Protein backbone atom coordinates (compact mmCIF):
# COMPACT_ATOMS: atom_id res chain seq x y z
CA MET A 1 94.33 86.26 83.00
CA PRO A 2 94.72 89.40 80.92
CA LYS A 3 96.96 89.34 78.20
CA ARG A 4 101.14 89.93 77.74
CA ILE A 5 101.43 93.56 77.74
CA PRO A 6 102.98 93.46 73.53
CA ILE A 7 105.95 94.27 72.48
CA ALA A 8 104.16 97.38 70.22
CA GLU A 9 102.82 99.02 72.90
CA ALA A 10 105.72 99.52 74.30
CA LYS A 11 107.53 100.88 71.21
CA ARG A 12 103.72 103.47 70.51
CA VAL A 13 104.79 104.36 73.75
CA ALA A 14 108.78 105.56 73.47
CA GLU A 15 107.74 106.79 69.93
CA ALA A 16 105.47 109.03 71.68
CA HIS A 17 107.32 110.67 74.19
CA ASP A 18 111.07 110.18 72.37
CA LEU A 19 112.06 107.76 74.09
CA LYS A 20 115.05 105.54 74.08
CA GLN A 21 114.40 102.70 76.51
CA VAL A 22 110.80 101.67 77.78
CA LEU A 23 110.10 99.47 80.25
CA LEU A 24 106.70 99.07 80.98
CA ILE A 25 104.83 97.78 84.40
CA GLY A 26 101.65 96.36 85.34
CA TRP A 27 99.60 95.01 88.45
CA ASP A 28 95.93 93.25 87.95
CA GLY A 29 95.93 91.70 91.55
CA GLU A 30 97.85 88.91 91.27
CA LEU A 31 100.35 89.41 88.52
CA VAL A 32 102.89 91.95 87.42
CA HIS A 33 103.14 92.52 83.86
CA LEU A 34 106.63 93.70 81.56
CA VAL A 35 107.62 94.84 78.61
CA THR A 36 110.90 96.37 77.47
CA TYR A 37 111.63 97.70 74.25
CA GLY A 38 114.66 99.61 72.85
CA ALA A 39 115.08 101.89 69.81
CA THR A 40 118.87 99.66 68.96
CA LYS A 41 120.14 96.24 70.34
CA GLU A 42 122.29 98.49 73.16
CA ASP A 43 119.15 100.18 74.67
CA CYS A 44 117.77 97.21 74.13
CA LYS A 45 120.00 95.62 75.80
CA LYS A 46 119.93 98.00 79.05
CA ALA A 47 116.36 98.21 78.97
CA ALA A 48 117.26 93.99 79.96
CA GLU A 49 118.93 94.98 82.63
CA ALA A 50 116.95 96.56 84.10
CA GLN A 51 113.89 94.72 83.99
CA LYS A 52 116.38 92.64 86.09
CA PHE A 53 117.05 95.42 88.37
CA TRP A 54 113.35 95.94 88.67
CA GLN A 55 112.76 92.17 88.73
CA GLY A 56 115.44 91.69 91.33
CA LYS A 57 116.03 94.04 94.15
CA ILE A 58 112.15 96.28 93.15
CA ARG A 59 109.44 94.40 92.41
CA GLU A 60 109.00 93.29 96.41
CA PHE A 61 108.51 96.09 97.72
CA SER A 62 105.99 98.00 94.64
CA PHE A 63 102.94 95.77 94.54
CA ARG A 64 102.60 95.27 99.07
CA GLY A 65 100.44 97.36 99.45
CA ASP A 66 102.78 98.32 103.27
């Protein structure tokens, strides 16, 4: 199993691209790996809401290969 994606990596992406929120999603062929980052507490909250939305509504269709 791959290592978890560190929050520091999501922060690095956010800073490199001047983003307030980042949602990183990876798939290793078996499991989905997901990490969020927000520049402020409010951004963290919104990124977590995006994670919940993705996990609940989109995930089932994203990696099936249909």
